C-alpha atoms as a PDB file:
ATOM      1  CA  MET A   1      15.780 -27.512  37.365  1.00  0.00           C
ATOM      2  CA  ARG A   2      13.720 -24.552  38.645  1.00  0.00           C
ATOM      3  CA  LEU A   3      15.606 -22.250  36.238  1.00  0.00           C
ATOM      4  CA  ALA A   4      14.629 -24.508  33.242  1.00  0.00           C
ATOM      5  CA  THR A   5      11.002 -24.599  34.352  1.00  0.00           C
ATOM      6  CA  GLY A   6      10.920 -20.847  34.676  1.00  0.00           C
ATOM      7  CA  MET A   7      12.323 -20.443  31.202  1.00  0.00           C
ATOM      8  CA  LEU A   8       9.708 -22.734  29.743  1.00  0.00           C
ATOM      9  CA  THR A   9       6.970 -20.786  31.542  1.00  0.00           C
ATOM     10  CA  ALA A  10       8.320 -17.500  30.277  1.00  0.00           C
ATOM     11  CA  ALA A  11       8.508 -18.867  26.690  1.00  0.00           C
ATOM     12  CA  LEU A  12       4.836 -19.970  26.943  1.00  0.00           C
ATOM     13  CA  ALA A  13       3.796 -16.543  28.232  1.00  0.00           C
ATOM     14  CA  TRP A  14       5.633 -14.816  25.397  1.00  0.00           C
ATOM     15  CA  ALA A  15       3.945 -16.876  22.621  1.00  0.00           C
ATOM     16  CA  ALA A  16       0.246 -15.874  22.994  1.00  0.00           C
ATOM     17  CA  GLY A  17      -1.261 -18.392  20.624  1.00  0.00           C
ATOM     18  CA  ILE A  18      -4.982 -18.065  20.041  1.00  0.00           C
ATOM     19  CA  ASP A  19      -7.970 -18.413  22.343  1.00  0.00           C
ATOM     20  CA  PRO A  20      -8.709 -22.141  22.943  1.00  0.00           C
ATOM     21  CA  ARG A  21     -12.201 -23.299  22.351  1.00  0.00           C
ATOM     22  CA  PRO A  22     -14.258 -24.169  25.493  1.00  0.00           C
ATOM     23  CA  ALA A  23     -13.413 -27.874  25.200  1.00  0.00           C
ATOM     24  CA  ALA A  24     -11.509 -30.320  23.010  1.00  0.00           C
ATOM     25  CA  THR A  25     -14.853 -31.691  21.796  1.00  0.00           C
ATOM     26  CA  ASP A  26     -15.516 -28.365  20.117  1.00  0.00           C
ATOM     27  CA  TYR A  27     -12.955 -29.265  17.450  1.00  0.00           C
ATOM     28  CA  PRO A  28     -13.964 -31.526  14.529  1.00  0.00           C
ATOM     29  CA  ALA A  29     -11.157 -33.983  15.569  1.00  0.00           C
ATOM     30  CA  HIS A  30     -10.521 -34.710  19.202  1.00  0.00           C
ATOM     31  CA  ALA A  31      -9.031 -37.298  21.566  1.00  0.00           C
ATOM     32  CA  ARG A  32      -8.826 -37.730  25.318  1.00  0.00           C
ATOM     33  CA  GLY A  33      -6.189 -39.239  27.521  1.00  0.00           C
ATOM     34  CA  ASP A  34      -5.426 -39.407  31.237  1.00  0.00           C
ATOM     35  CA  ALA A  35      -3.141 -36.337  31.159  1.00  0.00           C
ATOM     36  CA  VAL A  36      -4.550 -34.289  28.270  1.00  0.00           C
ATOM     37  CA  SER A  37      -7.372 -33.833  25.855  1.00  0.00           C
ATOM     38  CA  LEU A  38      -6.582 -32.678  22.278  1.00  0.00           C
ATOM     39  CA  GLY A  39      -8.602 -31.023  19.650  1.00  0.00           C
ATOM     40  CA  ALA A  40      -7.692 -30.140  16.065  1.00  0.00           C
ATOM     41  CA  GLU A  41      -9.133 -28.670  12.885  1.00  0.00           C
ATOM     42  CA  TYR A  42      -7.612 -28.648   9.371  1.00  0.00           C
ATOM     43  CA  MET A  43      -7.608 -25.041   8.107  1.00  0.00           C
ATOM     44  CA  VAL A  44      -6.178 -25.875   4.668  1.00  0.00           C
ATOM     45  CA  ARG A  45      -3.899 -22.971   3.936  1.00  0.00           C
ATOM     46  CA  SER A  46      -5.459 -20.139   6.044  1.00  0.00           C
ATOM     47  CA  LEU A  47      -5.232 -18.746   9.529  1.00  0.00           C
ATOM     48  CA  SER A  48      -7.328 -16.209  11.406  1.00  0.00           C
ATOM     49  CA  ALA A  49      -6.238 -13.948  14.200  1.00  0.00           C
ATOM     50  CA  ARG A  50      -7.318 -10.540  15.471  1.00  0.00           C
ATOM     51  CA  ASN A  51     -10.293 -10.572  13.064  1.00  0.00           C
ATOM     52  CA  GLN A  52      -8.066 -10.986  10.081  1.00  0.00           C
ATOM     53  CA  THR A  53      -7.636 -13.952   7.766  1.00  0.00           C
ATOM     54  CA  PHE A  54      -4.481 -14.775   5.751  1.00  0.00           C
ATOM     55  CA  VAL A  55      -3.562 -17.425   3.306  1.00  0.00           C
ATOM     56  CA  VAL A  56      -0.078 -19.018   3.573  1.00  0.00           C
ATOM     57  CA  ASN A  57       0.928 -20.632   0.355  1.00  0.00           C
ATOM     58  CA  ASP A  58       2.989 -23.822   0.407  1.00  0.00           C
ATOM     59  CA  TYR A  59       1.819 -24.759   3.907  1.00  0.00           C
ATOM     60  CA  LEU A  60      -0.954 -26.775   5.521  1.00  0.00           C
ATOM     61  CA  VAL A  61      -2.388 -25.151   8.635  1.00  0.00           C
ATOM     62  CA  VAL A  62      -3.805 -27.098  11.516  1.00  0.00           C
ATOM     63  CA  GLU A  63      -5.423 -25.450  14.488  1.00  0.00           C
ATOM     64  CA  VAL A  64      -4.622 -27.381  17.713  1.00  0.00           C
ATOM     65  CA  GLY A  65      -5.960 -27.095  21.303  1.00  0.00           C
ATOM     66  CA  LEU A  66      -4.486 -28.928  24.259  1.00  0.00           C
ATOM     67  CA  TYR A  67      -6.336 -29.244  27.614  1.00  0.00           C
ATOM     68  CA  PRO A  68      -4.273 -30.622  30.531  1.00  0.00           C
ATOM     69  CA  ALA A  69      -6.184 -32.766  33.002  1.00  0.00           C
ATOM     70  CA  GLN A  70      -7.038 -31.092  36.245  1.00  0.00           C
ATOM     71  CA  GLY A  71      -4.036 -30.831  38.474  1.00  0.00           C
ATOM     72  CA  ARG A  72      -1.605 -31.852  35.738  1.00  0.00           C
ATOM     73  CA  ARG A  73       1.107 -29.704  34.103  1.00  0.00           C
ATOM     74  CA  LEU A  74       1.933 -30.413  30.477  1.00  0.00           C
ATOM     75  CA  LEU A  75       5.002 -29.556  28.349  1.00  0.00           C
ATOM     76  CA  VAL A  76       3.676 -28.235  25.041  1.00  0.00           C
ATOM     77  CA  SER A  77       5.783 -28.333  21.931  1.00  0.00           C
ATOM     78  CA  SER A  78       5.201 -28.292  18.207  1.00  0.00           C
ATOM     79  CA  GLY A  79       7.809 -31.026  17.981  1.00  0.00           C
ATOM     80  CA  HIS A  80       5.356 -33.440  19.511  1.00  0.00           C
ATOM     81  CA  PHE A  81       3.267 -33.328  16.325  1.00  0.00           C
ATOM     82  CA  THR A  82       3.548 -34.689  12.803  1.00  0.00           C
ATOM     83  CA  LEU A  83       1.138 -34.831   9.872  1.00  0.00           C
ATOM     84  CA  ARG A  84       0.503 -37.895   7.706  1.00  0.00           C
ATOM     85  CA  VAL A  85      -0.788 -37.204   4.182  1.00  0.00           C
ATOM     86  CA  ASN A  86      -2.749 -39.840   2.242  1.00  0.00           C
ATOM     87  CA  GLY A  87      -1.639 -42.628   4.611  1.00  0.00           C
ATOM     88  CA  LYS A  88       2.048 -42.414   3.524  1.00  0.00           C
ATOM     89  CA  LYS A  89       4.799 -43.766   5.735  1.00  0.00           C
ATOM     90  CA  GLU A  90       6.684 -40.486   5.547  1.00  0.00           C
ATOM     91  CA  VAL A  91       5.197 -37.677   7.773  1.00  0.00           C
ATOM     92  CA  LEU A  92       5.490 -33.945   7.652  1.00  0.00           C
ATOM     93  CA  PHE A  93       7.015 -32.008  10.586  1.00  0.00           C
ATOM     94  CA  PRO A  94       5.863 -28.589  11.673  1.00  0.00           C
ATOM     95  CA  GLN A  95       7.941 -25.650  10.423  1.00  0.00           C
ATOM     96  CA  THR A  96       8.879 -22.685  12.663  1.00  0.00           C
ATOM     97  CA  PRO A  97       6.646 -19.713  12.619  1.00  0.00           C
ATOM     98  CA  GLY A  98       9.773 -17.704  11.625  1.00  0.00           C
ATOM     99  CA  MET A  99      10.113 -19.676   8.384  1.00  0.00           C
ATOM    100  CA  VAL A 100       6.446 -19.207   7.530  1.00  0.00           C
ATOM    101  CA  ALA A 101       6.536 -15.560   8.351  1.00  0.00           C
ATOM    102  CA  ALA A 102       9.642 -15.075   6.163  1.00  0.00           C
ATOM    103  CA  SER A 103       7.880 -16.662   3.188  1.00  0.00           C
ATOM    104  CA  MET A 104       5.069 -14.080   3.650  1.00  0.00           C
ATOM    105  CA  LYS A 105       7.258 -11.049   4.273  1.00  0.00           C
ATOM    106  CA  TYR A 106       9.679 -11.942   1.443  1.00  0.00           C
ATOM    107  CA  PRO A 107       7.602 -13.475  -1.416  1.00  0.00           C
ATOM    108  CA  ASP A 108      10.768 -13.959  -3.414  1.00  0.00           C
ATOM    109  CA  TRP A 109      12.513 -15.879  -0.574  1.00  0.00           C
ATOM    110  CA  GLU A 110      12.492 -18.844  -2.828  1.00  0.00           C
ATOM    111  CA  ARG A 111      12.523 -18.183  -6.556  1.00  0.00           C
ATOM    112  CA  ARG A 112       9.893 -19.888  -8.615  1.00  0.00           C
ATOM    113  CA  PRO A 113       9.232 -20.088 -12.409  1.00  0.00           C
ATOM    114  CA  GLU A 114       7.427 -16.925 -13.420  1.00  0.00           C
ATOM    115  CA  LEU A 115       6.311 -14.980 -16.463  1.00  0.00           C
ATOM    116  CA  VAL A 116       7.563 -11.356 -16.548  1.00  0.00           C
ATOM    117  CA  ALA A 117       6.757  -8.876 -19.211  1.00  0.00           C
ATOM    118  CA  GLY A 118       8.900  -5.703 -19.485  1.00  0.00           C
ATOM    119  CA  GLY A 119       8.152  -2.342 -21.103  1.00  0.00           C
ATOM    120  CA  GLY A 120       8.773   1.347 -20.759  1.00  0.00           C
ATOM    121  CA  VAL A 121       6.427   4.192 -19.797  1.00  0.00           C
ATOM    122  CA  GLY A 122       7.799   7.711 -19.679  1.00  0.00           C
ATOM    123  CA  GLY A 123      11.341   6.520 -19.211  1.00  0.00           C
ATOM    124  CA  VAL A 124      10.393   4.334 -16.317  1.00  0.00           C
ATOM    125  CA  ASP A 125      10.769   0.527 -16.601  1.00  0.00           C
ATOM    126  CA  VAL A 126       7.559  -1.360 -15.801  1.00  0.00           C
ATOM    127  CA  MET A 127       7.454  -4.963 -14.891  1.00  0.00           C
ATOM    128  CA  ILE A 128       4.189  -6.904 -15.186  1.00  0.00           C
ATOM    129  CA  GLY A 129       3.826 -10.264 -13.397  1.00  0.00           C
ATOM    130  CA  GLY A 130       6.432 -12.018 -11.305  1.00  0.00           C
ATOM    131  CA  ASN A 131       6.927 -12.209  -7.600  1.00  0.00           C
ATOM    132  CA  PRO A 132       6.759  -8.911  -5.747  1.00  0.00           C
ATOM    133  CA  GLN A 133      10.029  -7.815  -4.242  1.00  0.00           C
ATOM    134  CA  VAL A 134      10.149  -6.314  -0.728  1.00  0.00           C
ATOM    135  CA  GLU A 135      12.880  -4.621   1.225  1.00  0.00           C
ATOM    136  CA  ARG A 136      15.120  -7.224   2.953  1.00  0.00           C
ATOM    137  CA  PHE A 137      17.108  -4.671   4.937  1.00  0.00           C
ATOM    138  CA  PRO A 138      17.099  -0.838   5.353  1.00  0.00           C
ATOM    139  CA  GLY A 139      18.225   0.723   2.099  1.00  0.00           C
ATOM    140  CA  ASP A 140      17.778  -2.387  -0.025  1.00  0.00           C
ATOM    141  CA  PRO A 141      17.538  -1.067  -3.612  1.00  0.00           C
ATOM    142  CA  ARG A 142      15.579  -3.968  -5.093  1.00  0.00           C
ATOM    143  CA  PRO A 143      12.072  -2.824  -4.465  1.00  0.00           C
ATOM    144  CA  ARG A 144      12.824   0.636  -5.896  1.00  0.00           C
ATOM    145  CA  GLN A 145      14.065  -0.857  -9.096  1.00  0.00           C
ATOM    146  CA  THR A 146      10.659  -2.282 -10.080  1.00  0.00           C
ATOM    147  CA  ARG A 147       8.280   0.030  -8.240  1.00  0.00           C
ATOM    148  CA  LEU A 148       6.236   2.629 -10.145  1.00  0.00           C
ATOM    149  CA  PRO A 149       6.326   6.218  -8.762  1.00  0.00           C
ATOM    150  CA  ALA A 150       3.378   7.126  -6.528  1.00  0.00           C
ATOM    151  CA  PRO A 151       0.843   9.346  -8.319  1.00  0.00           C
ATOM    152  CA  PRO A 152       0.763  13.022  -7.160  1.00  0.00           C
ATOM    153  CA  ARG A 153      -1.934  13.924  -4.623  1.00  0.00           C
ATOM    154  CA  ALA A 154      -3.567  17.319  -4.331  1.00  0.00           C
ATOM    155  CA  PRO A 155      -3.313  18.842  -0.909  1.00  0.00           C
ATOM    156  CA  SER A 156      -6.598  18.544   0.962  1.00  0.00           C
ATOM    157  CA  GLY A 157      -5.905  21.369   3.421  1.00  0.00           C
ATOM    158  CA  LYS A 158      -7.099  19.163   6.262  1.00  0.00           C
ATOM    159  CA  PRO A 159      -4.832  17.045   8.449  1.00  0.00           C
ATOM    160  CA  GLU A 160      -5.425  13.329   7.845  1.00  0.00           C
ATOM    161  CA  PRO A 161      -6.507  11.440  10.913  1.00  0.00           C
ATOM    162  CA  GLU A 162      -3.987   8.939  12.226  1.00  0.00           C
ATOM    163  CA  GLN A 163      -5.048   5.378  11.760  1.00  0.00           C
ATOM    164  CA  GLU A 164      -3.726   2.438  13.751  1.00  0.00           C
ATOM    165  CA  ALA A 165      -1.688   0.230  11.462  1.00  0.00           C
ATOM    166  CA  ALA A 166      -3.140  -3.219  10.920  1.00  0.00           C
ATOM    167  CA  PRO A 167      -0.975  -6.071  12.134  1.00  0.00           C
ATOM    168  CA  ARG A 168       1.069  -7.570   9.392  1.00  0.00           C
ATOM    169  CA  ALA A 169       0.661 -11.208   8.240  1.00  0.00           C
ATOM    170  CA  GLU A 170       4.082 -12.199   9.438  1.00  0.00           C
ATOM    171  CA  GLU A 171       3.339 -10.862  12.897  1.00  0.00           C
ATOM    172  CA  LEU A 172       0.095 -12.769  13.206  1.00  0.00           C
ATOM    173  CA  ILE A 173       1.767 -15.982  11.967  1.00  0.00           C
ATOM    174  CA  SER A 174       4.252 -15.921  14.798  1.00  0.00           C
ATOM    175  CA  GLU A 175       1.791 -14.541  17.361  1.00  0.00           C
ATOM    176  CA  SER A 176      -0.858 -17.218  16.702  1.00  0.00           C
ATOM    177  CA  ALA A 177       1.447 -20.208  16.465  1.00  0.00           C
ATOM    178  CA  LEU A 178       1.039 -22.961  19.112  1.00  0.00           C
ATOM    179  CA  PRO A 179       2.684 -21.697  22.335  1.00  0.00           C
ATOM    180  CA  GLU A 180       5.508 -23.772  23.641  1.00  0.00           C
ATOM    181  CA  GLY A 181       6.326 -24.379  27.317  1.00  0.00           C
ATOM    182  CA  GLU A 182       4.897 -25.895  30.446  1.00  0.00           C
ATOM    183  CA  THR A 183       1.293 -25.145  31.388  1.00  0.00           C
ATOM    184  CA  SER A 184      -1.601 -26.314  33.442  1.00  0.00           C
ATOM    185  CA  GLN A 185      -4.104 -24.250  31.440  1.00  0.00           C
ATOM    186  CA  PRO A 186      -5.667 -24.914  28.002  1.00  0.00           C
ATOM    187  CA  VAL A 187      -3.603 -23.549  25.111  1.00  0.00           C
ATOM    188  CA  ALA A 188      -4.244 -23.353  21.430  1.00  0.00           C
ATOM    189  CA  GLY A 189      -2.482 -22.213  18.280  1.00  0.00           C
ATOM    190  CA  TYR A 190      -1.586 -23.055  14.687  1.00  0.00           C
ATOM    191  CA  LEU A 191       0.852 -25.608  13.294  1.00  0.00           C
ATOM    192  CA  TYR A 192       2.373 -25.053   9.806  1.00  0.00           C
ATOM    193  CA  PHE A 193       3.369 -27.977   7.680  1.00  0.00           C
ATOM    194  CA  ALA A 194       5.269 -27.344   4.411  1.00  0.00           C
ATOM    195  CA  TYR A 195       3.356 -28.752   1.530  1.00  0.00           C
ATOM    196  CA  ARG A 196       3.570 -27.767  -2.157  1.00  0.00           C
ATOM    197  CA  GLY A 197       1.272 -30.433  -3.559  1.00  0.00           C
ATOM    198  CA  LYS A 198      -2.217 -29.790  -4.816  1.00  0.00           C
ATOM    199  CA  ILE A 199      -4.888 -29.579  -2.114  1.00  0.00           C
ATOM    200  CA  LYS A 200      -7.317 -31.574  -4.259  1.00  0.00           C
ATOM    201  CA  ALA A 201      -4.832 -34.419  -4.228  1.00  0.00           C
ATOM    202  CA  ILE A 202      -5.144 -34.796  -0.383  1.00  0.00           C
ATOM    203  CA  ARG A 203      -7.501 -37.677   0.297  1.00  0.00           C
ATOM    204  CA  SER A 204      -6.727 -38.134   4.059  1.00  0.00           C
ATOM    205  CA  LEU A 205      -4.884 -36.211   6.797  1.00  0.00           C
ATOM    206  CA  GLU A 206      -3.799 -37.597  10.073  1.00  0.00           C
ATOM    207  CA  LEU A 207      -2.424 -35.465  12.887  1.00  0.00           C
ATOM    208  CA  ILE A 208      -0.211 -37.462  15.212  1.00  0.00           C
ATOM    209  CA  TYR A 209       0.741 -36.507  18.739  1.00  0.00           C
ATOM    210  CA  ASN A 210       3.609 -38.242  20.403  1.00  0.00           C
ATOM    211  CA  GLY A 211       4.691 -36.475  23.559  1.00  0.00           C
ATOM    212  CA  PRO A 212       4.811 -36.690  27.374  1.00  0.00           C
ATOM    213  CA  ALA A 213       1.024 -37.190  27.584  1.00  0.00           C
ATOM    214  CA  GLY A 214       1.166 -40.320  25.364  1.00  0.00           C
ATOM    215  CA  GLU A 215       0.351 -41.046  21.712  1.00  0.00           C
ATOM    216  CA  PHE A 216      -2.741 -39.936  19.871  1.00  0.00           C
ATOM    217  CA  SER A 217      -3.919 -39.979  16.278  1.00  0.00           C
ATOM    218  CA  LEU A 218      -6.578 -37.475  15.060  1.00  0.00           C
ATOM    219  CA  ARG A 219      -8.154 -38.001  11.667  1.00  0.00           C
ATOM    220  CA  LEU A 220      -8.673 -34.541  10.163  1.00  0.00           C
ATOM    221  CA  ILE A 221     -10.181 -35.585   6.815  1.00  0.00           C
END
């Protein structure tokens, strides 16, 4: 039992999530129970972390904060949440950050209808339109097949200063997801729900929590 608790605590520490707001009431939607207070905000299809904002297509993003009551420990899991769209009986379940990150890192992960125009310039095939292809594994030839050669650059004679690489979208998606594990401290992070419908068609959104702290329903819109 102690080993399982230790593993949960370690998992929670590994997943950083995002900084929780001062209180659950600082979220547009919030609820309070004996064991926990919850806050949530509908972010449409965007997320922000480390001063950067990204759009994740085909997903609805909800920021969630959980605040255990004083002296209480709470098991946090994305599996305790579902999302009801337009009052339908069927609900959406959160997707793993890995799935969302993969859809960002590999835009052609799932093929979609696309318009592609082909042509030739100087013996090099040029593709206009279509989903960008990225390297799936070291040495993957696909990206090189449709990539234009880089234009030549004149030497400047001065060493270019090294710049710290900005975190990639897929890294922030996983890093800022709702942490999972047992905690006595407030935690916050994003939940990702797969949704390919039109945003304008969403008339109501209801975030449902059903976990060890009870059952709550938060009206997002």
